[in-house]
N, C-alpha and C. Protein backbone atom coordinates (compact mmCIF):
# COMPACT_ATOMS: atom_id res chain seq x y z
N MET A 1 29.27 3.14 -6.81
CA MET A 1 28.43 3.24 -5.63
C MET A 1 27.04 3.79 -5.99
N ILE A 2 27.00 4.79 -6.84
CA ILE A 2 25.72 5.37 -7.26
C ILE A 2 24.90 4.32 -8.01
N PHE A 3 25.58 3.46 -8.74
CA PHE A 3 24.92 2.38 -9.47
C PHE A 3 24.10 1.51 -8.50
N TYR A 4 24.70 1.10 -7.40
CA TYR A 4 24.02 0.24 -6.44
C TYR A 4 22.87 0.97 -5.74
N ILE A 5 23.09 2.22 -5.43
CA ILE A 5 22.03 3.00 -4.78
C ILE A 5 20.84 3.14 -5.72
N TRP A 6 21.10 3.42 -7.00
CA TRP A 6 20.03 3.52 -7.99
C TRP A 6 19.25 2.22 -8.09
N ILE A 7 19.96 1.09 -8.19
CA ILE A 7 19.29 -0.21 -8.32
C ILE A 7 18.38 -0.47 -7.12
N ILE A 8 18.90 -0.23 -5.93
CA ILE A 8 18.12 -0.50 -4.71
C ILE A 8 16.92 0.43 -4.61
N LEU A 9 17.15 1.73 -4.75
CA LEU A 9 16.04 2.68 -4.60
C LEU A 9 14.98 2.53 -5.68
N SER A 10 15.41 2.34 -6.91
CA SER A 10 14.43 2.20 -7.99
C SER A 10 13.66 0.89 -7.86
N SER A 11 14.28 -0.15 -7.35
CA SER A 11 13.56 -1.41 -7.13
C SER A 11 12.52 -1.25 -6.03
N ILE A 12 12.85 -0.51 -4.99
CA ILE A 12 11.88 -0.24 -3.93
C ILE A 12 10.70 0.56 -4.49
N VAL A 13 11.00 1.56 -5.31
CA VAL A 13 9.94 2.36 -5.94
C VAL A 13 9.05 1.48 -6.82
N ALA A 14 9.65 0.57 -7.59
CA ALA A 14 8.87 -0.32 -8.45
C ALA A 14 7.97 -1.23 -7.61
N CYS A 15 8.46 -1.70 -6.48
CA CYS A 15 7.64 -2.53 -5.59
C CYS A 15 6.47 -1.73 -5.01
N ILE A 16 6.74 -0.51 -4.61
CA ILE A 16 5.66 0.33 -4.06
C ILE A 16 4.62 0.61 -5.14
N LEU A 17 5.06 0.92 -6.35
CA LEU A 17 4.11 1.19 -7.43
C LEU A 17 3.31 -0.05 -7.80
N SER A 18 3.93 -1.21 -7.74
CA SER A 18 3.20 -2.47 -7.98
C SER A 18 2.12 -2.67 -6.92
N ASP A 19 2.47 -2.34 -5.67
CA ASP A 19 1.49 -2.43 -4.60
C ASP A 19 0.34 -1.46 -4.82
N VAL A 20 0.65 -0.28 -5.32
CA VAL A 20 -0.40 0.71 -5.61
C VAL A 20 -1.33 0.17 -6.70
N LEU A 21 -0.77 -0.46 -7.72
CA LEU A 21 -1.61 -1.05 -8.77
C LEU A 21 -2.49 -2.16 -8.21
N LEU A 22 -1.94 -2.98 -7.33
CA LEU A 22 -2.74 -4.03 -6.70
C LEU A 22 -3.88 -3.44 -5.87
N PHE A 23 -3.58 -2.36 -5.15
CA PHE A 23 -4.61 -1.70 -4.36
C PHE A 23 -5.70 -1.13 -5.25
N ILE A 24 -5.31 -0.53 -6.37
CA ILE A 24 -6.31 0.02 -7.30
C ILE A 24 -7.18 -1.10 -7.85
N GLU A 25 -6.56 -2.23 -8.20
CA GLU A 25 -7.35 -3.37 -8.69
C GLU A 25 -8.27 -3.88 -7.58
N TYR A 26 -7.77 -3.95 -6.36
CA TYR A 26 -8.58 -4.40 -5.22
C TYR A 26 -9.76 -3.47 -4.96
N ARG A 27 -9.50 -2.17 -5.00
CA ARG A 27 -10.54 -1.19 -4.67
C ARG A 27 -11.53 -0.97 -5.82
N ASN A 28 -11.05 -0.83 -7.04
CA ASN A 28 -11.91 -0.45 -8.16
C ASN A 28 -12.40 -1.63 -9.00
N HIS A 29 -11.67 -2.73 -8.96
CA HIS A 29 -12.02 -3.90 -9.79
C HIS A 29 -11.90 -5.16 -8.95
N ASN A 30 -12.65 -5.19 -7.86
CA ASN A 30 -12.50 -6.26 -6.88
C ASN A 30 -12.79 -7.63 -7.47
N HIS A 31 -13.75 -7.73 -8.37
CA HIS A 31 -14.06 -9.03 -8.98
C HIS A 31 -12.86 -9.56 -9.77
N LEU A 32 -12.09 -8.68 -10.40
CA LEU A 32 -10.89 -9.11 -11.12
C LEU A 32 -9.77 -9.49 -10.14
N TRP A 33 -9.71 -8.77 -9.03
CA TRP A 33 -8.72 -9.08 -8.00
C TRP A 33 -8.98 -10.47 -7.42
N VAL A 34 -10.24 -10.80 -7.21
CA VAL A 34 -10.59 -12.14 -6.72
C VAL A 34 -10.27 -13.18 -7.78
N THR A 35 -10.56 -12.86 -9.04
CA THR A 35 -10.23 -13.77 -10.14
C THR A 35 -8.72 -14.01 -10.23
N ASP A 36 -7.95 -12.98 -9.91
CA ASP A 36 -6.48 -13.11 -9.91
C ASP A 36 -5.95 -13.83 -8.67
N LYS A 37 -6.83 -14.45 -7.91
CA LYS A 37 -6.50 -15.23 -6.70
C LYS A 37 -6.06 -14.36 -5.54
N MET A 38 -6.61 -13.16 -5.43
CA MET A 38 -6.42 -12.26 -4.30
C MET A 38 -4.95 -12.02 -3.93
N PRO A 39 -4.16 -11.51 -4.87
CA PRO A 39 -2.75 -11.28 -4.55
C PRO A 39 -2.59 -10.11 -3.58
N TYR A 40 -1.53 -10.14 -2.84
CA TYR A 40 -1.16 -9.00 -2.00
C TYR A 40 0.26 -8.61 -2.34
N GLY A 41 0.61 -7.38 -2.03
CA GLY A 41 1.91 -6.87 -2.41
C GLY A 41 2.98 -7.10 -1.37
N ILE A 42 4.10 -6.47 -1.58
CA ILE A 42 5.21 -6.56 -0.65
C ILE A 42 4.92 -5.70 0.58
N PHE A 43 4.39 -4.51 0.36
CA PHE A 43 4.10 -3.59 1.46
C PHE A 43 2.61 -3.50 1.77
N TRP A 44 1.75 -3.75 0.78
CA TRP A 44 0.30 -3.63 0.96
C TRP A 44 -0.34 -5.00 1.06
N LYS A 45 -1.21 -5.14 2.06
CA LYS A 45 -2.00 -6.35 2.22
C LYS A 45 -3.40 -5.93 2.66
N PRO A 46 -4.45 -6.54 2.09
CA PRO A 46 -5.79 -6.25 2.58
C PRO A 46 -5.89 -6.67 4.04
N PHE A 47 -6.65 -5.94 4.82
CA PHE A 47 -6.69 -6.18 6.26
C PHE A 47 -7.22 -7.56 6.62
N TYR A 48 -8.03 -8.17 5.75
CA TYR A 48 -8.60 -9.47 6.08
C TYR A 48 -7.89 -10.63 5.41
N ASN A 49 -6.94 -10.34 4.54
CA ASN A 49 -6.25 -11.38 3.80
C ASN A 49 -5.08 -11.92 4.62
N LYS A 50 -5.07 -13.20 4.85
CA LYS A 50 -3.97 -13.81 5.59
C LYS A 50 -2.75 -13.93 4.69
N VAL A 51 -1.59 -13.76 5.28
CA VAL A 51 -0.34 -13.88 4.53
C VAL A 51 -0.08 -15.37 4.31
N ASN A 52 0.06 -15.74 3.04
CA ASN A 52 0.36 -17.13 2.71
C ASN A 52 1.20 -17.20 1.45
N LEU A 53 1.71 -18.36 1.17
CA LEU A 53 2.58 -18.53 0.01
C LEU A 53 1.83 -18.32 -1.30
N ARG A 54 0.56 -18.70 -1.33
CA ARG A 54 -0.23 -18.56 -2.56
C ARG A 54 -0.36 -17.10 -2.99
N GLY A 55 -0.60 -16.20 -2.03
CA GLY A 55 -0.71 -14.79 -2.36
C GLY A 55 0.60 -14.21 -2.86
N ALA A 56 1.71 -14.67 -2.27
CA ALA A 56 3.02 -14.19 -2.71
C ALA A 56 3.35 -14.68 -4.11
N LEU A 57 3.06 -15.94 -4.39
CA LEU A 57 3.32 -16.48 -5.73
C LEU A 57 2.42 -15.82 -6.76
N THR A 58 1.19 -15.54 -6.38
CA THR A 58 0.28 -14.85 -7.28
C THR A 58 0.79 -13.45 -7.58
N TYR A 59 1.32 -12.77 -6.56
CA TYR A 59 1.90 -11.43 -6.75
C TYR A 59 3.04 -11.49 -7.77
N ASN A 60 3.92 -12.46 -7.62
CA ASN A 60 5.06 -12.59 -8.54
C ASN A 60 4.59 -12.86 -9.97
N ARG A 61 3.65 -13.78 -10.12
CA ARG A 61 3.14 -14.12 -11.46
C ARG A 61 2.43 -12.93 -12.09
N LEU A 62 1.62 -12.26 -11.30
CA LEU A 62 0.82 -11.16 -11.82
C LEU A 62 1.68 -9.97 -12.22
N THR A 63 2.60 -9.56 -11.34
CA THR A 63 3.42 -8.40 -11.67
C THR A 63 4.36 -8.70 -12.83
N LEU A 64 4.82 -9.93 -12.95
CA LEU A 64 5.65 -10.29 -14.10
C LEU A 64 4.84 -10.22 -15.39
N SER A 65 3.60 -10.67 -15.34
CA SER A 65 2.77 -10.61 -16.55
C SER A 65 2.45 -9.17 -16.93
N TRP A 66 2.33 -8.27 -15.92
CA TRP A 66 2.06 -6.86 -16.21
C TRP A 66 3.20 -6.19 -16.94
N LEU A 67 4.41 -6.72 -16.84
CA LEU A 67 5.54 -6.14 -17.57
C LEU A 67 5.38 -6.29 -19.08
N PHE A 68 4.66 -7.32 -19.49
CA PHE A 68 4.56 -7.64 -20.92
C PHE A 68 3.17 -7.41 -21.50
N LYS A 69 2.16 -7.40 -20.65
CA LYS A 69 0.79 -7.23 -21.16
C LYS A 69 0.01 -6.34 -20.20
N THR A 70 -0.66 -5.36 -20.76
CA THR A 70 -1.48 -4.44 -19.96
C THR A 70 -2.90 -4.99 -19.87
N PRO A 71 -3.38 -5.27 -18.65
CA PRO A 71 -4.76 -5.75 -18.51
C PRO A 71 -5.78 -4.69 -18.98
N ALA A 72 -6.93 -5.16 -19.33
CA ALA A 72 -7.97 -4.25 -19.84
C ALA A 72 -8.36 -3.20 -18.82
N TRP A 73 -8.41 -3.56 -17.54
CA TRP A 73 -8.83 -2.59 -16.52
C TRP A 73 -7.82 -1.46 -16.38
N MET A 74 -6.55 -1.72 -16.66
CA MET A 74 -5.54 -0.66 -16.60
C MET A 74 -5.69 0.31 -17.76
N LYS A 75 -6.11 -0.19 -18.89
CA LYS A 75 -6.25 0.65 -20.08
C LYS A 75 -7.36 1.69 -19.92
N LEU A 76 -8.26 1.47 -18.99
CA LEU A 76 -9.38 2.39 -18.78
C LEU A 76 -9.02 3.59 -17.91
N ASP A 77 -7.87 3.54 -17.25
CA ASP A 77 -7.49 4.57 -16.29
C ASP A 77 -6.10 5.10 -16.64
N SER A 78 -6.00 6.41 -16.84
CA SER A 78 -4.71 6.99 -17.22
C SER A 78 -3.68 6.89 -16.10
N THR A 79 -4.12 6.92 -14.84
CA THR A 79 -3.18 6.81 -13.72
C THR A 79 -2.52 5.44 -13.71
N THR A 80 -3.28 4.39 -13.92
CA THR A 80 -2.68 3.05 -13.92
C THR A 80 -1.75 2.86 -15.11
N LEU A 81 -2.09 3.47 -16.23
CA LEU A 81 -1.19 3.37 -17.38
C LEU A 81 0.15 4.06 -17.11
N ILE A 82 0.09 5.21 -16.46
CA ILE A 82 1.34 5.91 -16.11
C ILE A 82 2.15 5.07 -15.14
N LEU A 83 1.49 4.50 -14.14
CA LEU A 83 2.20 3.69 -13.14
C LEU A 83 2.86 2.47 -13.77
N ILE A 84 2.14 1.78 -14.65
CA ILE A 84 2.72 0.57 -15.25
C ILE A 84 3.88 0.92 -16.18
N TRP A 85 3.80 2.05 -16.86
CA TRP A 85 4.91 2.45 -17.72
C TRP A 85 6.12 2.88 -16.90
N ILE A 86 5.91 3.48 -15.74
CA ILE A 86 7.04 3.80 -14.86
C ILE A 86 7.70 2.51 -14.38
N ILE A 87 6.89 1.55 -13.97
CA ILE A 87 7.44 0.26 -13.52
C ILE A 87 8.22 -0.40 -14.65
N ARG A 88 7.65 -0.43 -15.83
CA ARG A 88 8.34 -1.05 -16.98
C ARG A 88 9.65 -0.34 -17.29
N SER A 89 9.65 0.97 -17.19
CA SER A 89 10.87 1.74 -17.45
C SER A 89 11.95 1.43 -16.41
N ILE A 90 11.54 1.35 -15.15
CA ILE A 90 12.51 1.03 -14.09
C ILE A 90 13.10 -0.35 -14.32
N VAL A 91 12.27 -1.32 -14.64
CA VAL A 91 12.77 -2.68 -14.87
C VAL A 91 13.70 -2.72 -16.07
N LEU A 92 13.36 -2.01 -17.13
CA LEU A 92 14.21 -1.98 -18.32
C LEU A 92 15.56 -1.32 -18.02
N ILE A 93 15.54 -0.18 -17.35
CA ILE A 93 16.79 0.51 -17.02
C ILE A 93 17.64 -0.33 -16.09
N ASN A 94 17.03 -0.91 -15.06
CA ASN A 94 17.79 -1.75 -14.13
C ASN A 94 18.38 -2.97 -14.82
N SER A 95 17.62 -3.59 -15.70
CA SER A 95 18.13 -4.75 -16.44
C SER A 95 19.32 -4.36 -17.31
N ALA A 96 19.19 -3.24 -17.99
CA ALA A 96 20.29 -2.77 -18.84
C ALA A 96 21.53 -2.45 -18.01
N LEU A 97 21.34 -1.84 -16.85
CA LEU A 97 22.48 -1.51 -15.99
C LEU A 97 23.17 -2.76 -15.45
N VAL A 98 22.39 -3.75 -15.07
CA VAL A 98 22.98 -4.99 -14.57
C VAL A 98 23.73 -5.71 -15.67
N ILE A 99 23.17 -5.78 -16.86
CA ILE A 99 23.85 -6.41 -17.99
C ILE A 99 25.14 -5.66 -18.31
N PHE A 100 25.07 -4.33 -18.32
CA PHE A 100 26.26 -3.53 -18.57
C PHE A 100 27.33 -3.78 -17.51
N ALA A 101 26.93 -3.86 -16.26
CA ALA A 101 27.89 -4.07 -15.18
C ALA A 101 28.58 -5.42 -15.31
N PHE A 102 27.82 -6.46 -15.61
CA PHE A 102 28.42 -7.79 -15.73
C PHE A 102 29.28 -7.92 -16.98
N THR A 103 28.87 -7.33 -18.08
CA THR A 103 29.70 -7.42 -19.29
C THR A 103 30.96 -6.58 -19.15
N SER A 104 30.88 -5.46 -18.42
CA SER A 104 32.09 -4.68 -18.22
C SER A 104 33.09 -5.41 -17.33
N LEU A 105 32.60 -6.27 -16.45
CA LEU A 105 33.51 -7.07 -15.63
C LEU A 105 34.29 -8.09 -16.48
N LEU A 106 33.69 -8.52 -17.57
CA LEU A 106 34.37 -9.47 -18.44
C LEU A 106 35.55 -8.84 -19.17
N TRP A 107 35.52 -7.53 -19.38
CA TRP A 107 36.57 -6.85 -20.11
C TRP A 107 37.70 -6.36 -19.21
N ILE A 108 37.55 -6.53 -17.91
CA ILE A 108 38.61 -6.06 -16.98
C ILE A 108 39.69 -7.11 -16.89
């Protein structure tokens, strides 16, 4: 039971932190945010940005790429580096837990 609670809560935290990174990019590096096709997060959306499929797909592509490559604008700010490493850690731990859970089911 604790396993499921951890997965759910840590995934929500990772989504919130991803939204915070998007907001930082929007606020401090707006030209890069526009270049990234104006993505919006799960919980955060710019007040003038309409909700559409393109923004959601851009969010998915962008946050997935952040797991493997740190953009230059993140490297300039220690807060964004801490946030991205927390997100990466959560994804790594959750992936390992899910793999462990499924492989342990094979041995039962």
